[in-house]
Amino acid sequence: IKKGRRGLGSIFVWATGNGGRYNDYCNCDGYITSIYTISIGAINDKGKSPWYAENCPSTLGVTYSSGQTNGPDLQIVTTDLHHKCTKEHTGTSAAAPLAAGKCRQGGVKEIA
């Protein structure tokens, strides 16, 4: 935790979860509430909270993923097993890597 990022310490990006339909609560996940974790939720292509989103006071950011309530459900294209690609990556598990990549690029800016 202390030696990552050239001595600045490691930051862990974690998906907030997809249990909203079941009233799951992300703060019960020990990783989400860690001070070393940036918890990431998802929004759909309309900028709306998807049907699977958990109520999560620990969420520090969101990125695009699936979750349309009406119409076609757009999903994330990414690499997959066996040197292949998939067009079906969904949920906060698809959103969190997008945020991690943005952090790595230095593209996250504070919004006042």
PDB file of N, CA and C in Angstrom:
ATOM      1  N   ILE A   1       0.822  -1.193   0.000  1.00  0.00           N
ATOM      2  CA  ILE A   1       0.000   0.000   0.000  1.00  0.00           C
ATOM      3  C   ILE A   1       0.865   1.254   0.000  1.00  0.00           C
ATOM      4  N   LYS A   2       2.007   1.248   0.674  1.00  0.00           N
ATOM      5  CA  LYS A   2       2.800   2.463   0.827  1.00  0.00           C
ATOM      6  C   LYS A   2       3.820   2.685  -0.274  1.00  0.00           C
ATOM      7  N   LYS A   3       4.192   1.657  -1.023  1.00  0.00           N
ATOM      8  CA  LYS A   3       5.288   1.800  -1.977  1.00  0.00           C
ATOM      9  C   LYS A   3       4.841   2.009  -3.420  1.00  0.00           C
ATOM     10  N   GLY A   4       3.581   1.832  -3.708  1.00  0.00           N
ATOM     11  CA  GLY A   4       3.099   2.003  -5.073  1.00  0.00           C
ATOM     12  C   GLY A   4       3.181   3.445  -5.533  1.00  0.00           C
ATOM     13  N   ARG A   5       3.057   3.658  -6.819  1.00  0.00           N
ATOM     14  CA  ARG A   5       3.085   4.988  -7.439  1.00  0.00           C
ATOM     15  C   ARG A   5       4.299   5.796  -7.008  1.00  0.00           C
ATOM     16  N   ARG A   6       5.463   5.156  -7.091  1.00  0.00           N
ATOM     17  CA  ARG A   6       6.745   5.814  -6.753  1.00  0.00           C
ATOM     18  C   ARG A   6       6.744   6.389  -5.342  1.00  0.00           C
ATOM     19  N   GLY A   7       6.234   5.613  -4.406  1.00  0.00           N
ATOM     20  CA  GLY A   7       6.246   6.012  -3.007  1.00  0.00           C
ATOM     21  C   GLY A   7       5.020   6.788  -2.547  1.00  0.00           C
ATOM     22  N   LEU A   8       4.111   7.097  -3.445  1.00  0.00           N
ATOM     23  CA  LEU A   8       2.900   7.831  -3.062  1.00  0.00           C
ATOM     24  C   LEU A   8       1.842   6.926  -2.451  1.00  0.00           C
ATOM     25  N   GLY A   9       2.012   5.624  -2.625  1.00  0.00           N
ATOM     26  CA  GLY A   9       1.039   4.671  -2.096  1.00  0.00           C
ATOM     27  C   GLY A   9       0.100   4.165  -3.164  1.00  0.00           C
ATOM     28  N   SER A  10      -0.407   2.990  -2.954  1.00  0.00           N
ATOM     29  CA  SER A  10      -1.315   2.368  -3.915  1.00  0.00           C
ATOM     30  C   SER A  10      -2.739   2.876  -3.732  1.00  0.00           C
ATOM     31  N   ILE A  11      -3.454   2.904  -4.830  1.00  0.00           N
ATOM     32  CA  ILE A  11      -4.880   3.217  -4.817  1.00  0.00           C
ATOM     33  C   ILE A  11      -5.583   2.046  -5.479  1.00  0.00           C
ATOM     34  N   PHE A  12      -6.636   1.552  -4.863  1.00  0.00           N
ATOM     35  CA  PHE A  12      -7.393   0.436  -5.408  1.00  0.00           C
ATOM     36  C   PHE A  12      -8.723   0.944  -5.941  1.00  0.00           C
ATOM     37  N   VAL A  13      -9.028   0.589  -7.181  1.00  0.00           N
ATOM     38  CA  VAL A  13     -10.304   0.941  -7.792  1.00  0.00           C
ATOM     39  C   VAL A  13     -11.195  -0.288  -7.692  1.00  0.00           C
ATOM     40  N   TRP A  14     -12.390  -0.105  -7.135  1.00  0.00           N
ATOM     41  CA  TRP A  14     -13.270  -1.237  -6.844  1.00  0.00           C
ATOM     42  C   TRP A  14     -14.676  -0.942  -7.349  1.00  0.00           C
ATOM     43  N   ALA A  15     -15.301  -1.925  -7.952  1.00  0.00           N
ATOM     44  CA  ALA A  15     -16.681  -1.794  -8.426  1.00  0.00           C
ATOM     45  C   ALA A  15     -17.648  -1.809  -7.245  1.00  0.00           C
ATOM     46  N   THR A  16     -18.619  -0.902  -7.252  1.00  0.00           N
ATOM     47  CA  THR A  16     -19.543  -0.796  -6.115  1.00  0.00           C
ATOM     48  C   THR A  16     -20.539  -1.940  -6.020  1.00  0.00           C
ATOM     49  N   GLY A  17     -20.776  -2.640  -7.105  1.00  0.00           N
ATOM     50  CA  GLY A  17     -21.665  -3.797  -7.051  1.00  0.00           C
ATOM     51  C   GLY A  17     -22.912  -3.634  -7.898  1.00  0.00           C
ATOM     52  N   ASN A  18     -23.519  -4.766  -8.208  1.00  0.00           N
ATOM     53  CA  ASN A  18     -24.671  -4.816  -9.106  1.00  0.00           C
ATOM     54  C   ASN A  18     -25.917  -5.359  -8.419  1.00  0.00           C
ATOM     55  N   GLY A  19     -25.991  -5.236  -7.116  1.00  0.00           N
ATOM     56  CA  GLY A  19     -27.086  -5.851  -6.376  1.00  0.00           C
ATOM     57  C   GLY A  19     -28.270  -4.960  -6.092  1.00  0.00           C
ATOM     58  N   GLY A  20     -28.405  -3.858  -6.812  1.00  0.00           N
ATOM     59  CA  GLY A  20     -29.493  -2.918  -6.560  1.00  0.00           C
ATOM     60  C   GLY A  20     -30.875  -3.531  -6.640  1.00  0.00           C
ATOM     61  N   ARG A  21     -31.057  -4.454  -7.552  1.00  0.00           N
ATOM     62  CA  ARG A  21     -32.358  -5.126  -7.699  1.00  0.00           C
ATOM     63  C   ARG A  21     -32.730  -5.873  -6.413  1.00  0.00           C
ATOM     64  N   TYR A  22     -31.724  -6.279  -5.650  1.00  0.00           N
ATOM     65  CA  TYR A  22     -31.944  -7.065  -4.426  1.00  0.00           C
ATOM     66  C   TYR A  22     -31.722  -6.237  -3.162  1.00  0.00           C
ATOM     67  N   ASN A  23     -31.701  -4.911  -3.321  1.00  0.00           N
ATOM     68  CA  ASN A  23     -31.461  -3.989  -2.203  1.00  0.00           C
ATOM     69  C   ASN A  23     -30.144  -4.253  -1.493  1.00  0.00           C
ATOM     70  N   ASP A  24     -29.150  -4.708  -2.249  1.00  0.00           N
ATOM     71  CA  ASP A  24     -27.817  -4.908  -1.684  1.00  0.00           C
ATOM     72  C   ASP A  24     -27.240  -3.545  -1.313  1.00  0.00           C
ATOM     73  N   TYR A  25     -26.340  -3.532  -0.357  1.00  0.00           N
ATOM     74  CA  TYR A  25     -25.785  -2.288   0.175  1.00  0.00           C
ATOM     75  C   TYR A  25     -24.271  -2.381   0.148  1.00  0.00           C
ATOM     76  N   CYS A  26     -23.635  -1.579  -0.670  1.00  0.00           N
ATOM     77  CA  CYS A  26     -22.196  -1.716  -0.907  1.00  0.00           C
ATOM     78  C   CYS A  26     -21.337  -1.468   0.329  1.00  0.00           C
ATOM     79  N   ASN A  27     -21.806  -0.690   1.278  1.00  0.00           N
ATOM     80  CA  ASN A  27     -20.975  -0.391   2.445  1.00  0.00           C
ATOM     81  C   ASN A  27     -20.701  -1.607   3.317  1.00  0.00           C
ATOM     82  N   CYS A  28     -21.369  -2.715   3.042  1.00  0.00           N
ATOM     83  CA  CYS A  28     -21.085  -3.953   3.769  1.00  0.00           C
ATOM     84  C   CYS A  28     -19.862  -4.660   3.196  1.00  0.00           C
ATOM     85  N   ASP A  29     -19.343  -4.178   2.079  1.00  0.00           N
ATOM     86  CA  ASP A  29     -18.144  -4.741   1.455  1.00  0.00           C
ATOM     87  C   ASP A  29     -16.928  -4.050   2.061  1.00  0.00           C
ATOM     88  N   GLY A  30     -16.058  -4.793   2.684  1.00  0.00           N
ATOM     89  CA  GLY A  30     -14.896  -4.221   3.350  1.00  0.00           C
ATOM     90  C   GLY A  30     -13.962  -3.450   2.438  1.00  0.00           C
ATOM     91  N   TYR A  31     -13.883  -3.840   1.175  1.00  0.00           N
ATOM     92  CA  TYR A  31     -13.000  -3.125   0.253  1.00  0.00           C
ATOM     93  C   TYR A  31     -13.541  -1.737  -0.070  1.00  0.00           C
ATOM     94  N   ILE A  32     -14.838  -1.626  -0.215  1.00  0.00           N
ATOM     95  CA  ILE A  32     -15.462  -0.357  -0.594  1.00  0.00           C
ATOM     96  C   ILE A  32     -15.193   0.725   0.437  1.00  0.00           C
ATOM     97  N   THR A  33     -15.192   0.382   1.695  1.00  0.00           N
ATOM     98  CA  THR A  33     -15.056   1.380   2.752  1.00  0.00           C
ATOM     99  C   THR A  33     -13.614   1.638   3.167  1.00  0.00           C
ATOM    100  N   SER A  34     -12.673   1.021   2.497  1.00  0.00           N
ATOM    101  CA  SER A  34     -11.259   1.247   2.809  1.00  0.00           C
ATOM    102  C   SER A  34     -10.827   2.642   2.358  1.00  0.00           C
ATOM    103  N   ILE A  35      -9.965   3.282   3.128  1.00  0.00           N
ATOM    104  CA  ILE A  35      -9.453   4.599   2.737  1.00  0.00           C
ATOM    105  C   ILE A  35      -8.513   4.508   1.541  1.00  0.00           C
ATOM    106  N   TYR A  36      -8.109   3.314   1.165  1.00  0.00           N
ATOM    107  CA  TYR A  36      -7.215   3.117   0.022  1.00  0.00           C
ATOM    108  C   TYR A  36      -7.978   2.775  -1.255  1.00  0.00           C
ATOM    109  N   THR A  37      -9.300   2.848  -1.208  1.00  0.00           N
ATOM    110  CA  THR A  37     -10.130   2.414  -2.326  1.00  0.00           C
ATOM    111  C   THR A  37     -10.931   3.570  -2.908  1.00  0.00           C
ATOM    112  N   ILE A  38     -10.955   3.633  -4.237  1.00  0.00           N
ATOM    113  CA  ILE A  38     -11.871   4.510  -4.952  1.00  0.00           C
ATOM    114  C   ILE A  38     -12.983   3.614  -5.468  1.00  0.00           C
ATOM    115  N   SER A  39     -14.182   3.798  -4.965  1.00  0.00           N
ATOM    116  CA  SER A  39     -15.295   2.941  -5.383  1.00  0.00           C
ATOM    117  C   SER A  39     -16.015   3.582  -6.570  1.00  0.00           C
ATOM    118  N   ILE A  40     -16.261   2.756  -7.592  1.00  0.00           N
ATOM    119  CA  ILE A  40     -16.805   3.239  -8.854  1.00  0.00           C
ATOM    120  C   ILE A  40     -18.129   2.549  -9.164  1.00  0.00           C
ATOM    121  N   GLY A  41     -19.125   3.343  -9.445  1.00  0.00           N
ATOM    122  CA  GLY A  41     -20.420   2.847  -9.886  1.00  0.00           C
ATOM    123  C   GLY A  41     -20.560   3.030 -11.388  1.00  0.00           C
ATOM    124  N   ALA A  42     -21.763   2.822 -11.894  1.00  0.00           N
ATOM    125  CA  ALA A  42     -21.994   2.895 -13.333  1.00  0.00           C
ATOM    126  C   ALA A  42     -23.167   3.813 -13.650  1.00  0.00           C
ATOM    127  N   ILE A  43     -23.123   4.371 -14.860  1.00  0.00           N
ATOM    128  CA  ILE A  43     -24.274   5.037 -15.449  1.00  0.00           C
ATOM    129  C   ILE A  43     -24.463   4.455 -16.844  1.00  0.00           C
ATOM    130  N   ASN A  44     -25.676   4.532 -17.353  1.00  0.00           N
ATOM    131  CA  ASN A  44     -25.911   4.018 -18.703  1.00  0.00           C
ATOM    132  C   ASN A  44     -25.602   5.102 -19.739  1.00  0.00           C
ATOM    133  N   ASP A  45     -25.823   4.789 -21.004  1.00  0.00           N
ATOM    134  CA  ASP A  45     -25.479   5.728 -22.073  1.00  0.00           C
ATOM    135  C   ASP A  45     -26.343   6.988 -22.064  1.00  0.00           C
ATOM    136  N   LYS A  46     -27.392   7.016 -21.279  1.00  0.00           N
ATOM    137  CA  LYS A  46     -28.236   8.206 -21.125  1.00  0.00           C
ATOM    138  C   LYS A  46     -27.828   9.032 -19.908  1.00  0.00           C
ATOM    139  N   GLY A  47     -26.775   8.590 -19.194  1.00  0.00           N
ATOM    140  CA  GLY A  47     -26.328   9.296 -18.000  1.00  0.00           C
ATOM    141  C   GLY A  47     -27.182   9.028 -16.778  1.00  0.00           C
ATOM    142  N   LYS A  48     -27.969   7.984 -16.828  1.00  0.00           N
ATOM    143  CA  LYS A  48     -28.877   7.630 -15.726  1.00  0.00           C
ATOM    144  C   LYS A  48     -28.329   6.443 -14.940  1.00  0.00           C
ATOM    145  N   SER A  49     -28.743   6.366 -13.704  1.00  0.00           N
ATOM    146  CA  SER A  49     -28.368   5.230 -12.865  1.00  0.00           C
ATOM    147  C   SER A  49     -29.029   3.961 -13.405  1.00  0.00           C
ATOM    148  N   PRO A  50     -28.277   2.886 -13.604  1.00  0.00           N
ATOM    149  CA  PRO A  50     -28.861   1.659 -14.151  1.00  0.00           C
ATOM    150  C   PRO A  50     -29.683   0.898 -13.111  1.00  0.00           C
ATOM    151  N   TRP A  51     -30.490  -0.011 -13.587  1.00  0.00           N
ATOM    152  CA  TRP A  51     -31.391  -0.783 -12.731  1.00  0.00           C
ATOM    153  C   TRP A  51     -30.655  -1.613 -11.684  1.00  0.00           C
ATOM    154  N   TYR A  52     -29.412  -1.972 -11.925  1.00  0.00           N
ATOM    155  CA  TYR A  52     -28.661  -2.820 -10.993  1.00  0.00           C
ATOM    156  C   TYR A  52     -27.862  -2.017  -9.969  1.00  0.00           C
ATOM    157  N   ALA A  53     -27.871  -0.684 -10.060  1.00  0.00           N
ATOM    158  CA  ALA A  53     -27.046   0.150  -9.181  1.00  0.00           C
ATOM    159  C   ALA A  53     -27.444  -0.028  -7.719  1.00  0.00           C
ATOM    160  N   GLU A  54     -26.437  -0.117  -6.868  1.00  0.00           N
ATOM    161  CA  GLU A  54     -26.672  -0.200  -5.422  1.00  0.00           C
ATOM    162  C   GLU A  54     -26.669   1.201  -4.834  1.00  0.00           C
ATOM    163  N   ASN A  55     -27.522   1.442  -3.840  1.00  0.00           N
ATOM    164  CA  ASN A  55     -27.407   2.672  -3.070  1.00  0.00           C
ATOM    165  C   ASN A  55     -26.089   2.594  -2.335  1.00  0.00           C
ATOM    166  N   CYS A  56     -25.217   3.537  -2.604  1.00  0.00           N
ATOM    167  CA  CYS A  56     -23.855   3.382  -2.105  1.00  0.00           C
ATOM    168  C   CYS A  56     -23.247   4.730  -1.744  1.00  0.00           C
ATOM    169  N   PRO A  57     -23.287   5.105  -0.467  1.00  0.00           N
ATOM    170  CA  PRO A  57     -22.696   6.378  -0.070  1.00  0.00           C
ATOM    171  C   PRO A  57     -21.188   6.427  -0.257  1.00  0.00           C
ATOM    172  N   SER A  58     -20.549   5.287  -0.435  1.00  0.00           N
ATOM    173  CA  SER A  58     -19.099   5.257  -0.626  1.00  0.00           C
ATOM    174  C   SER A  58     -18.679   5.497  -2.070  1.00  0.00           C
ATOM    175  N   THR A  59     -19.626   5.555  -3.001  1.00  0.00           N
ATOM    176  CA  THR A  59     -19.281   5.739  -4.411  1.00  0.00           C
ATOM    177  C   THR A  59     -18.622   7.095  -4.615  1.00  0.00           C
ATOM    178  N   LEU A  60     -17.434   7.065  -5.204  1.00  0.00           N
ATOM    179  CA  LEU A  60     -16.688   8.297  -5.441  1.00  0.00           C
ATOM    180  C   LEU A  60     -16.734   8.741  -6.894  1.00  0.00           C
ATOM    181  N   GLY A  61     -17.210   7.892  -7.773  1.00  0.00           N
ATOM    182  CA  GLY A  61     -17.302   8.251  -9.179  1.00  0.00           C
ATOM    183  C   GLY A  61     -18.084   7.209  -9.944  1.00  0.00           C
ATOM    184  N   VAL A  62     -18.446   7.548 -11.170  1.00  0.00           N
ATOM    185  CA  VAL A  62     -19.136   6.618 -12.061  1.00  0.00           C
ATOM    186  C   VAL A  62     -18.524   6.729 -13.450  1.00  0.00           C
ATOM    187  N   THR A  63     -18.615   5.648 -14.216  1.00  0.00           N
ATOM    188  CA  THR A  63     -18.271   5.661 -15.632  1.00  0.00           C
ATOM    189  C   THR A  63     -19.373   4.918 -16.374  1.00  0.00           C
ATOM    190  N   TYR A  64     -19.292   4.965 -17.689  1.00  0.00           N
ATOM    191  CA  TYR A  64     -20.335   4.333 -18.503  1.00  0.00           C
ATOM    192  C   TYR A  64     -20.285   2.817 -18.435  1.00  0.00           C
ATOM    193  N   SER A  65     -21.463   2.239 -18.513  1.00  0.00           N
ATOM    194  CA  SER A  65     -21.617   0.793 -18.620  1.00  0.00           C
ATOM    195  C   SER A  65     -22.995   0.522 -19.209  1.00  0.00           C
ATOM    196  N   SER A  66     -23.528  -0.627 -18.925  1.00  0.00           N
ATOM    197  CA  SER A  66     -24.837  -1.044 -19.431  1.00  0.00           C
ATOM    198  C   SER A  66     -25.933  -0.557 -18.487  1.00  0.00           C
ATOM    199  N   GLY A  67     -27.158  -1.026 -18.725  1.00  0.00           N
ATOM    200  CA  GLY A  67     -28.214  -0.768 -17.764  1.00  0.00           C
ATOM    201  C   GLY A  67     -29.389   0.036 -18.262  1.00  0.00           C
ATOM    202  N   GLN A  68     -29.715  -0.077 -19.534  1.00  0.00           N
ATOM    203  CA  GLN A  68     -30.893   0.606 -20.053  1.00  0.00           C
ATOM    204  C   GLN A  68     -32.161   0.011 -19.450  1.00  0.00           C
ATOM    205  N   THR A  69     -33.122   0.854 -19.201  1.00  0.00           N
ATOM    206  CA  THR A  69     -34.422   0.353 -18.762  1.00  0.00           C
ATOM    207  C   THR A  69     -35.380   0.235 -19.940  1.00  0.00           C
ATOM    208  N   ASN A  70     -35.166   1.029 -20.974  1.00  0.00           N
ATOM    209  CA  ASN A  70     -35.975   0.974 -22.199  1.00  0.00           C
ATOM    210  C   ASN A  70     -35.028   0.903 -23.392  1.00  0.00           C
ATOM    211  N   GLY A  71     -35.368   0.112 -24.375  1.00  0.00           N
ATOM    212  CA  GLY A  71     -34.564   0.050 -25.586  1.00  0.00           C
ATOM    213  C   GLY A  71     -33.396  -0.900 -25.457  1.00  0.00           C
ATOM    214  N   PRO A  72     -32.517  -0.878 -26.469  1.00  0.00           N
ATOM    215  CA  PRO A  72     -31.382  -1.812 -26.469  1.00  0.00           C
ATOM    216  C   PRO A  72     -30.393  -1.484 -25.353  1.00  0.00           C
ATOM    217  N   ASP A  73     -29.842  -2.504 -24.752  1.00  0.00           N
ATOM    218  CA  ASP A  73     -28.877  -2.338 -23.666  1.00  0.00           C
ATOM    219  C   ASP A  73     -27.473  -2.317 -24.250  1.00  0.00           C
ATOM    220  N   LEU A  74     -26.866  -1.140 -24.304  1.00  0.00           N
ATOM    221  CA  LEU A  74     -25.510  -1.026 -24.818  1.00  0.00           C
ATOM    222  C   LEU A  74     -24.534  -1.561 -23.784  1.00  0.00           C
ATOM    223  N   GLN A  75     -23.504  -2.255 -24.244  1.00  0.00           N
ATOM    224  CA  GLN A  75     -22.542  -2.881 -23.345  1.00  0.00           C
ATOM    225  C   GLN A  75     -21.130  -2.468 -23.724  1.00  0.00           C
ATOM    226  N   ILE A  76     -20.161  -2.833 -22.911  1.00  0.00           N
ATOM    227  CA  ILE A  76     -18.765  -2.441 -23.091  1.00  0.00           C
ATOM    228  C   ILE A  76     -18.018  -3.515 -23.874  1.00  0.00           C
ATOM    229  N   VAL A  77     -17.228  -3.082 -24.853  1.00  0.00           N
ATOM    230  CA  VAL A  77     -16.358  -3.990 -25.608  1.00  0.00           C
ATOM    231  C   VAL A  77     -14.998  -3.991 -24.928  1.00  0.00           C
ATOM    232  N   THR A  78     -14.444  -5.181 -24.697  1.00  0.00           N
ATOM    233  CA  THR A  78     -13.143  -5.283 -24.037  1.00  0.00           C
ATOM    234  C   THR A  78     -12.468  -6.598 -24.407  1.00  0.00           C
ATOM    235  N   THR A  79     -11.241  -6.750 -23.961  1.00  0.00           N
ATOM    236  CA  THR A  79     -10.530  -8.004 -24.190  1.00  0.00           C
ATOM    237  C   THR A  79     -11.148  -9.105 -23.344  1.00  0.00           C
ATOM    238  N   ASP A  80     -10.919 -10.344 -23.776  1.00  0.00           N
ATOM    239  CA  ASP A  80     -11.498 -11.496 -23.100  1.00  0.00           C
ATOM    240  C   ASP A  80     -10.466 -12.619 -23.071  1.00  0.00           C
ATOM    241  N   LEU A  81     -10.869 -13.738 -22.553  1.00  0.00           N
ATOM    242  CA  LEU A  81      -9.996 -14.907 -22.467  1.00  0.00           C
ATOM    243  C   LEU A  81      -9.585 -15.406 -23.849  1.00  0.00           C
ATOM    244  N   HIS A  82      -8.476 -16.103 -23.895  1.00  0.00           N
ATOM    245  CA  HIS A  82      -7.993 -16.781 -25.099  1.00  0.00           C
ATOM    246  C   HIS A  82      -7.748 -15.813 -26.257  1.00  0.00           C
ATOM    247  N   HIS A  83      -7.218 -14.619 -25.944  1.00  0.00           N
ATOM    248  CA  HIS A  83      -6.855 -13.618 -26.962  1.00  0.00           C
ATOM    249  C   HIS A  83      -8.047 -13.190 -27.812  1.00  0.00           C
ATOM    250  N   LYS A  84      -9.195 -13.097 -27.214  1.00  0.00           N
ATOM    251  CA  LYS A  84     -10.407 -12.705 -27.931  1.00  0.00           C
ATOM    252  C   LYS A  84     -10.972 -11.425 -27.324  1.00  0.00           C
ATOM    253  N   CYS A  85     -12.043 -10.948 -27.922  1.00  0.00           N
ATOM    254  CA  CYS A  85     -12.765  -9.777 -27.418  1.00  0.00           C
ATOM    255  C   CYS A  85     -14.194 -10.181 -27.089  1.00  0.00           C
ATOM    256  N   THR A  86     -14.821  -9.388 -26.243  1.00  0.00           N
ATOM    257  CA  THR A  86     -16.237  -9.583 -25.942  1.00  0.00           C
ATOM    258  C   THR A  86     -16.962  -8.257 -26.119  1.00  0.00           C
ATOM    259  N   LYS A  87     -18.198  -8.324 -26.537  1.00  0.00           N
ATOM    260  CA  LYS A  87     -19.060  -7.146 -26.654  1.00  0.00           C
ATOM    261  C   LYS A  87     -20.116  -7.158 -25.562  1.00  0.00           C
ATOM    262  N   GLU A  88     -19.908  -7.958 -24.525  1.00  0.00           N
ATOM    263  CA  GLU A  88     -20.948  -8.174 -23.523  1.00  0.00           C
ATOM    264  C   GLU A  88     -20.494  -7.923 -22.087  1.00  0.00           C
ATOM    265  N   HIS A  89     -19.480  -7.078 -21.893  1.00  0.00           N
ATOM    266  CA  HIS A  89     -19.024  -6.760 -20.539  1.00  0.00           C
ATOM    267  C   HIS A  89     -19.981  -5.721 -19.962  1.00  0.00           C
ATOM    268  N   THR A  90     -20.493  -5.968 -18.756  1.00  0.00           N
ATOM    269  CA  THR A  90     -21.553  -5.120 -18.215  1.00  0.00           C
ATOM    270  C   THR A  90     -21.351  -4.804 -16.739  1.00  0.00           C
ATOM    271  N   GLY A  91     -22.195  -3.937 -16.236  1.00  0.00           N
ATOM    272  CA  GLY A  91     -22.259  -3.643 -14.808  1.00  0.00           C
ATOM    273  C   GLY A  91     -21.101  -2.811 -14.297  1.00  0.00           C
ATOM    274  N   THR A  92     -21.011  -2.737 -12.977  1.00  0.00           N
ATOM    275  CA  THR A  92     -19.921  -1.974 -12.372  1.00  0.00           C
ATOM    276  C   THR A  92     -18.582  -2.665 -12.594  1.00  0.00           C
ATOM    277  N   SER A  93     -18.616  -3.953 -12.910  1.00  0.00           N
ATOM    278  CA  SER A  93     -17.377  -4.666 -13.251  1.00  0.00           C
ATOM    279  C   SER A  93     -16.795  -4.154 -14.563  1.00  0.00           C
ATOM    280  N   ALA A  94     -17.612  -3.566 -15.408  1.00  0.00           N
ATOM    281  CA  ALA A  94     -17.126  -2.933 -16.635  1.00  0.00           C
ATOM    282  C   ALA A  94     -16.770  -1.468 -16.388  1.00  0.00           C
ATOM    283  N   ALA A  95     -17.460  -0.828 -15.463  1.00  0.00           N
ATOM    284  CA  ALA A  95     -17.230   0.590 -15.189  1.00  0.00           C
ATOM    285  C   ALA A  95     -15.911   0.839 -14.453  1.00  0.00           C
ATOM    286  N   ALA A  96     -15.597   0.015 -13.475  1.00  0.00           N
ATOM    287  CA  ALA A  96     -14.402   0.238 -12.654  1.00  0.00           C
ATOM    288  C   ALA A  96     -13.106   0.241 -13.463  1.00  0.00           C
ATOM    289  N   PRO A  97     -12.883  -0.681 -14.402  1.00  0.00           N
ATOM    290  CA  PRO A  97     -11.642  -0.625 -15.184  1.00  0.00           C
ATOM    291  C   PRO A  97     -11.514   0.644 -16.028  1.00  0.00           C
ATOM    292  N   LEU A  98     -12.639   1.190 -16.484  1.00  0.00           N
ATOM    293  CA  LEU A  98     -12.574   2.449 -17.228  1.00  0.00           C
ATOM    294  C   LEU A  98     -12.057   3.569 -16.331  1.00  0.00           C
ATOM    295  N   ALA A  99     -12.511   3.595 -15.090  1.00  0.00           N
ATOM    296  CA  ALA A  99     -12.040   4.601 -14.140  1.00  0.00           C
ATOM    297  C   ALA A  99     -10.573   4.385 -13.803  1.00  0.00           C
ATOM    298  N   ALA A 100     -10.176   3.133 -13.636  1.00  0.00           N
ATOM    299  CA  ALA A 100      -8.772   2.838 -13.317  1.00  0.00           C
ATOM    300  C   ALA A 100      -7.863   3.303 -14.445  1.00  0.00           C
ATOM    301  N   GLY A 101      -8.281   3.076 -15.680  1.00  0.00           N
ATOM    302  CA  GLY A 101      -7.492   3.534 -16.819  1.00  0.00           C
ATOM    303  C   GLY A 101      -7.400   5.039 -16.873  1.00  0.00           C
ATOM    304  N   LYS A 102      -8.473   5.717 -16.541  1.00  0.00           N
ATOM    305  CA  LYS A 102      -8.477   7.176 -16.536  1.00  0.00           C
ATOM    306  C   LYS A 102      -7.566   7.712 -15.439  1.00  0.00           C
ATOM    307  N   CYS A 103      -7.567   7.075 -14.269  1.00  0.00           N
ATOM    308  CA  CYS A 103      -6.662   7.480 -13.187  1.00  0.00           C
ATOM    309  C   CYS A 103      -5.212   7.317 -13.632  1.00  0.00           C
ATOM    310  N   ARG A 104      -4.929   6.213 -14.300  1.00  0.00           N
ATOM    311  CA  ARG A 104      -3.564   5.921 -14.759  1.00  0.00           C
ATOM    312  C   ARG A 104      -3.092   6.969 -15.748  1.00  0.00           C
ATOM    313  N   GLN A 105      -3.995   7.477 -16.577  1.00  0.00           N
ATOM    314  CA  GLN A 105      -3.651   8.484 -17.573  1.00  0.00           C
ATOM    315  C   GLN A 105      -3.557   9.877 -16.967  1.00  0.00           C
ATOM    316  N   GLY A 106      -3.938  10.019 -15.728  1.00  0.00           N
ATOM    317  CA  GLY A 106      -3.924  11.340 -15.104  1.00  0.00           C
ATOM    318  C   GLY A 106      -5.092  12.203 -15.547  1.00  0.00           C
ATOM    319  N   GLY A 107      -6.164  11.580 -16.018  1.00  0.00           N
ATOM    320  CA  GLY A 107      -7.282  12.330 -16.568  1.00  0.00           C
ATOM    321  C   GLY A 107      -8.393  12.635 -15.595  1.00  0.00           C
ATOM    322  N   VAL A 108      -8.270  12.238 -14.353  1.00  0.00           N
ATOM    323  CA  VAL A 108      -9.330  12.514 -13.388  1.00  0.00           C
ATOM    324  C   VAL A 108      -9.115  13.910 -12.826  1.00  0.00           C
ATOM    325  N   LYS A 109     -10.131  14.734 -12.917  1.00  0.00           N
ATOM    326  CA  LYS A 109     -10.028  16.099 -12.433  1.00  0.00           C
ATOM    327  C   LYS A 109     -11.114  16.343 -11.396  1.00  0.00           C
ATOM    328  N   GLU A 110     -10.818  17.212 -10.472  1.00  0.00           N
ATOM    329  CA  GLU A 110     -11.802  17.552  -9.450  1.00  0.00           C
ATOM    330  C   GLU A 110     -12.872  18.441 -10.062  1.00  0.00           C
ATOM    331  N   ILE A 111     -14.108  18.151  -9.738  1.00  0.00           N
ATOM    332  CA  ILE A 111     -15.225  18.961 -10.213  1.00  0.00           C
ATOM    333  C   ILE A 111     -15.786  19.724  -9.025  1.00  0.00           C
ATOM    334  N   ALA A 112     -15.802  21.039  -9.134  1.00  0.00           N
ATOM    335  CA  ALA A 112     -16.285  21.864  -8.022  1.00  0.00           C
ATOM    336  C   ALA A 112     -17.768  22.096  -8.128  1.00  0.00           C
TER     337      ALA A 112
END
